[in-house]
């Protein structure tokens, strides 16, 4: 399938070491690893980090033609104590958000994609994409909606087929009545407790999380679950099978460091 991922590409700094981050960029690379065509809609930069990340994305086969690549600096996210309690994240967009308005995008640009993923994207980019009403829109609003109420887009909720939220985010999503729009599925993930798949016309489907003794790193687990579930649904597989396939991808992420397959 040909897929578009809209959101951030960031350089994460974890305990002093750099790694590739940003849900959209990482999901695009993982989609390529799973054999799909992937394009990234993001703000990339001309600094060392930006050029390095763009090279890595191209090397992995991600198309960057829809991305704006002239920002001065790539966003960074400095993460302290990533694997224990009390994880701290210091985010700096380095002016990237101001460049979102410079991204040119038309409905024709989006028409070729089987699905478009809005993955933890800035509200300006969410509105830009959602207003064009692409087919099979997948919306992952992300944790910012808990801290900043304007980050949750009613337009994106109305135009999305699949929506993902964790326990804390779910109440904010559901109070907007997403099944009044285009949504077929709202997937609520609950970490070690599993989760629930809500459907517009059938009973909720609860699922449990697999026991993974010795797991190394949970980075990217939620995003790879969302990717796997969405791809399975796009292939018209039943929800039970979509969940099983998503869990297998989560295992591949959890037993290694970082969010890349």
Protein backbone atom coordinates (compact mmCIF):
# COMPACT_ATOMS: atom_id res chain seq x y z
CA UNK A 1 0.00 0.00 0.00
CA UNK A 2 1.04 3.60 -0.54
CA UNK A 3 0.88 5.47 2.77
CA UNK A 4 1.48 9.02 3.99
CA UNK A 5 2.62 9.90 7.50
CA UNK A 6 2.13 13.48 8.70
CA UNK A 7 3.81 14.82 11.82
CA UNK A 8 7.25 15.37 13.27
CA UNK A 9 10.74 14.17 12.49
CA UNK A 10 12.86 14.91 15.55
CA UNK A 11 16.29 14.14 16.88
CA UNK A 12 15.80 12.52 20.27
CA UNK A 13 18.59 12.87 22.83
CA UNK A 14 18.29 10.00 25.29
CA UNK A 15 20.79 9.97 28.16
CA UNK A 16 23.22 11.91 25.96
CA UNK A 17 22.87 9.71 22.88
CA UNK A 18 21.06 10.78 19.71
CA UNK A 19 18.39 8.67 18.03
CA UNK A 20 15.78 9.23 15.35
CA UNK A 21 12.40 10.24 16.72
CA UNK A 22 9.08 11.78 15.84
CA UNK A 23 6.11 9.43 15.52
CA UNK A 24 5.39 10.18 11.86
CA UNK A 25 8.97 9.72 10.65
CA UNK A 26 9.52 6.53 12.65
CA UNK A 27 6.18 5.09 11.51
CA UNK A 28 7.10 5.85 7.89
CA UNK A 29 10.37 3.95 8.23
CA UNK A 30 8.59 1.04 9.90
CA UNK A 31 5.98 0.94 7.15
CA UNK A 32 8.82 0.61 4.64
CA UNK A 33 10.27 -2.24 6.71
CA UNK A 34 6.89 -3.97 6.38
CA UNK A 35 7.01 -3.67 2.59
CA UNK A 36 4.77 -0.67 1.98
CA UNK A 37 5.47 2.57 0.13
CA UNK A 38 5.80 5.43 2.59
CA UNK A 39 5.92 9.20 2.25
CA UNK A 40 6.55 11.75 5.00
CA UNK A 41 4.76 15.09 5.38
CA UNK A 42 6.86 17.01 7.87
CA UNK A 43 9.21 19.93 8.44
CA UNK A 44 12.84 18.97 7.90
CA UNK A 45 15.85 21.22 8.35
CA UNK A 46 19.12 22.29 6.78
CA UNK A 47 21.22 21.85 9.93
CA UNK A 48 23.40 18.81 10.59
CA UNK A 49 20.63 16.91 12.37
CA UNK A 50 18.14 17.65 9.62
CA UNK A 51 20.44 16.60 6.79
CA UNK A 52 21.44 13.46 8.68
CA UNK A 53 17.81 12.49 9.30
CA UNK A 54 16.78 13.20 5.70
CA UNK A 55 19.62 10.99 4.48
CA UNK A 56 18.49 8.17 6.79
CA UNK A 57 14.87 8.48 5.66
CA UNK A 58 15.84 8.34 1.98
CA UNK A 59 18.20 5.42 2.63
CA UNK A 60 15.25 3.52 4.10
CA UNK A 61 13.09 4.35 1.08
CA UNK A 62 10.85 7.08 2.53
CA UNK A 63 9.69 9.67 0.00
CA UNK A 64 10.21 13.27 1.19
CA UNK A 65 8.70 15.15 -1.74
CA UNK A 66 5.78 16.48 0.33
CA UNK A 67 7.97 17.62 3.23
CA UNK A 68 9.22 21.16 3.74
CA UNK A 69 13.01 20.84 3.96
CA UNK A 70 14.26 24.39 4.50
CA UNK A 71 13.76 24.95 8.24
CA UNK A 72 16.91 26.25 9.99
CA UNK A 73 16.98 23.58 12.70
CA UNK A 74 15.42 20.17 13.32
CA UNK A 75 13.25 19.79 16.46
CA UNK A 76 14.90 18.03 19.39
CA UNK A 77 13.51 16.10 22.33
CA UNK A 78 15.80 15.54 25.30
CA UNK A 79 14.65 12.57 27.39
CA UNK A 80 15.88 11.92 30.94
CA UNK A 81 15.28 8.61 32.74
CA UNK A 82 13.44 7.14 29.72
CA UNK A 83 12.85 3.65 31.06
CA UNK A 84 11.88 4.31 34.67
CA UNK A 85 9.34 6.37 36.53
CA UNK A 86 9.61 10.13 36.40
CA UNK A 87 10.70 10.35 32.78
CA UNK A 88 11.37 13.97 31.80
CA UNK A 89 11.11 15.36 28.26
CA UNK A 90 12.41 18.72 27.14
CA UNK A 91 10.98 19.64 23.74
CA UNK A 92 12.21 22.39 21.41
CA UNK A 93 10.71 22.78 17.95
CA UNK A 94 13.52 25.21 16.96
CA UNK A 95 11.14 27.16 14.76
CA UNK A 96 9.81 24.16 12.84
CA UNK A 97 6.18 24.83 13.76
CA UNK A 98 6.36 28.25 12.11
CA UNK A 99 7.26 26.53 8.83
CA UNK A 100 4.12 24.37 8.70
CA UNK A 101 2.24 27.14 6.90
CA UNK A 102 4.85 26.99 4.13
CA UNK A 103 3.93 23.40 3.25
CA UNK A 104 1.98 23.37 0.02
CA UNK A 105 -0.64 20.63 -0.06
CA UNK A 106 -3.64 19.84 -2.28
CA UNK A 107 -6.31 17.17 -2.38
CA UNK A 108 -4.57 15.82 -5.50
CA UNK A 109 -1.38 15.33 -3.47
CA UNK A 110 -3.29 13.13 -1.02
CA UNK A 111 -5.39 11.28 -3.57
CA UNK A 112 -2.84 8.61 -4.39
CA UNK A 113 -2.48 7.36 -0.81
CA UNK A 114 -4.39 4.37 0.48
CA UNK A 115 -4.25 5.91 3.96
CA UNK A 116 -2.96 9.05 5.63
CA UNK A 117 -1.69 8.88 9.23
CA UNK A 118 -1.80 12.00 11.43
CA UNK A 119 0.72 10.93 14.07
CA UNK A 120 1.18 13.30 17.04
CA UNK A 121 1.14 16.17 14.55
CA UNK A 122 0.98 19.88 15.32
CA UNK A 123 -2.61 21.26 15.14
CA UNK A 124 -1.75 23.45 12.13
CA UNK A 125 -0.65 20.42 10.15
CA UNK A 126 -3.61 18.37 11.39
CA UNK A 127 -6.04 21.01 10.13
CA UNK A 128 -4.21 21.34 6.82
CA UNK A 129 -4.49 17.61 6.15
CA UNK A 130 -7.95 16.97 7.61
CA UNK A 131 -9.51 19.83 5.65
CA UNK A 132 -8.63 18.01 2.41
CA UNK A 133 -10.57 14.91 3.54
CA UNK A 134 -8.19 12.16 2.42
CA UNK A 135 -9.51 8.62 2.23
CA UNK A 136 -8.81 6.36 5.22
CA UNK A 137 -7.53 9.03 7.58
CA UNK A 138 -5.93 7.59 10.73
CA UNK A 139 -5.71 10.03 13.65
CA UNK A 140 -3.30 9.58 16.55
CA UNK A 141 -3.65 12.91 18.39
CA UNK A 142 -1.05 12.05 21.04
CA UNK A 143 -0.44 13.11 24.65
CA UNK A 144 -0.38 16.84 23.98
CA UNK A 145 -4.20 16.90 23.88
CA UNK A 146 -4.23 16.30 27.64
CA UNK A 147 -2.03 19.34 28.26
CA UNK A 148 -3.34 21.62 25.50
CA UNK A 149 -7.04 21.32 24.70
CA UNK A 150 -6.69 23.05 21.32
CA UNK A 151 -4.47 20.19 20.12
CA UNK A 152 -7.49 17.92 19.62
CA UNK A 153 -9.04 18.62 16.23
CA UNK A 154 -12.78 18.17 15.80
CA UNK A 155 -12.29 18.29 12.02
CA UNK A 156 -9.78 15.43 12.16
CA UNK A 157 -12.07 13.40 14.43
CA UNK A 158 -14.97 13.90 12.02
CA UNK A 159 -12.94 12.92 8.96
CA UNK A 160 -10.97 9.99 10.37
CA UNK A 161 -11.78 6.33 9.88
CA UNK A 162 -9.56 5.05 12.72
CA UNK A 163 -8.66 6.98 15.90
CA UNK A 164 -6.20 5.97 18.62
CA UNK A 165 -6.02 7.18 22.22
CA UNK A 166 -4.60 5.96 25.51
CA UNK A 167 -6.65 5.81 28.72
CA UNK A 168 -5.96 9.42 29.65
CA UNK A 169 -6.73 10.73 26.16
CA UNK A 170 -9.78 8.56 25.52
CA UNK A 171 -12.31 10.62 27.50
CA UNK A 172 -11.32 13.76 25.59
CA UNK A 173 -11.73 11.95 22.27
CA UNK A 174 -15.02 10.24 23.10
CA UNK A 175 -16.70 13.38 24.44
CA UNK A 176 -16.37 14.79 20.90
CA UNK A 177 -18.59 11.93 19.64
CA UNK A 178 -16.28 10.68 16.87
CA UNK A 179 -18.80 8.08 15.68
CA UNK A 180 -20.97 10.97 14.58
CA UNK A 181 -18.44 11.51 11.80
CA UNK A 182 -16.53 9.07 9.59
CA UNK A 183 -14.99 6.97 12.37
CA UNK A 184 -15.40 3.21 12.19
CA UNK A 185 -12.98 2.46 15.04
CA UNK A 186 -11.72 4.15 18.19
CA UNK A 187 -8.89 2.13 19.69
CA UNK A 188 -8.18 2.77 23.38
CA UNK A 189 -4.82 1.38 24.50
CA UNK A 190 -4.16 0.73 28.19
CA UNK A 191 -0.52 -0.35 28.32
CA UNK A 192 0.02 -3.52 30.32
CA UNK A 193 -3.76 -3.86 30.78
CA UNK A 194 -4.37 -4.28 27.04
CA UNK A 195 -7.10 -2.13 25.56
CA UNK A 196 -10.48 -1.86 23.89
CA UNK A 197 -11.53 -1.47 20.26
CA UNK A 198 -14.75 0.50 19.94
CA UNK A 199 -16.77 0.14 16.72
CA UNK A 200 -19.62 2.29 15.49
CA UNK A 201 -22.00 -0.65 14.98
CA UNK A 202 -20.80 -3.55 17.14
CA UNK A 203 -19.92 -4.34 20.74
CA UNK A 204 -16.56 -3.21 22.20
CA UNK A 205 -13.74 -5.70 21.70
CA UNK A 206 -11.51 -5.92 24.78
CA UNK A 207 -8.02 -7.38 24.47
CA UNK A 208 -5.28 -8.23 26.93
CA UNK A 209 -1.60 -7.36 26.64
CA UNK A 210 0.85 -10.19 26.15
CA UNK A 211 3.28 -10.96 28.95
CA UNK A 212 6.78 -10.01 27.77
CA UNK A 213 9.38 -10.96 30.38
CA UNK A 214 12.76 -9.42 29.74
CA UNK A 215 11.44 -6.71 27.43
CA UNK A 216 14.14 -4.13 26.74
CA UNK A 217 12.44 -0.88 25.70
CA UNK A 218 8.83 0.27 25.24
CA UNK A 219 9.75 3.17 22.95
CA UNK A 220 7.42 3.25 19.94
CA UNK A 221 5.23 0.37 21.13
CA UNK A 222 2.02 2.37 20.90
CA UNK A 223 2.84 3.70 17.45
CA UNK A 224 3.74 0.28 16.04
CA UNK A 225 0.50 -1.13 17.46
CA UNK A 226 -1.44 1.65 15.72
CA UNK A 227 0.40 1.01 12.47
CA UNK A 228 -0.15 -2.74 12.57
CA UNK A 229 -3.82 -2.48 13.50
CA UNK A 230 -4.54 0.09 10.79
CA UNK A 231 -2.76 -1.91 8.08
CA UNK A 232 -4.73 -5.02 9.02
CA UNK A 233 -8.05 -3.14 8.92
CA UNK A 234 -7.13 -1.65 5.55
CA UNK A 235 -6.61 -5.22 4.35
CA UNK A 236 -10.15 -5.96 5.59
CA UNK A 237 -9.05 -8.38 8.28
CA UNK A 238 -11.27 -8.91 11.34
CA UNK A 239 -10.54 -6.95 14.49
CA UNK A 240 -9.34 -10.05 16.38
CA UNK A 241 -6.73 -10.75 13.70
CA UNK A 242 -5.71 -7.08 13.54
CA UNK A 243 -5.04 -7.13 17.27
CA UNK A 244 -2.95 -10.31 17.08
CA UNK A 245 -0.83 -8.96 14.23
CA UNK A 246 -0.31 -5.68 16.07
CA UNK A 247 0.82 -7.51 19.19
CA UNK A 248 3.47 -9.38 17.19
CA UNK A 249 4.88 -6.07 15.96
CA UNK A 250 4.92 -4.75 19.53
CA UNK A 251 7.03 -7.75 20.57
CA UNK A 252 9.55 -6.97 17.84
CA UNK A 253 9.87 -3.43 19.21
CA UNK A 254 9.93 -4.28 22.92
CA UNK A 255 12.86 -6.68 22.72
CA UNK A 256 15.27 -4.13 21.26
CA UNK A 257 16.22 -0.53 21.95
CA UNK A 258 14.48 2.23 20.01
CA UNK A 259 11.26 2.37 18.04
CA UNK A 260 12.50 1.11 14.66
CA UNK A 261 11.83 -2.40 13.45
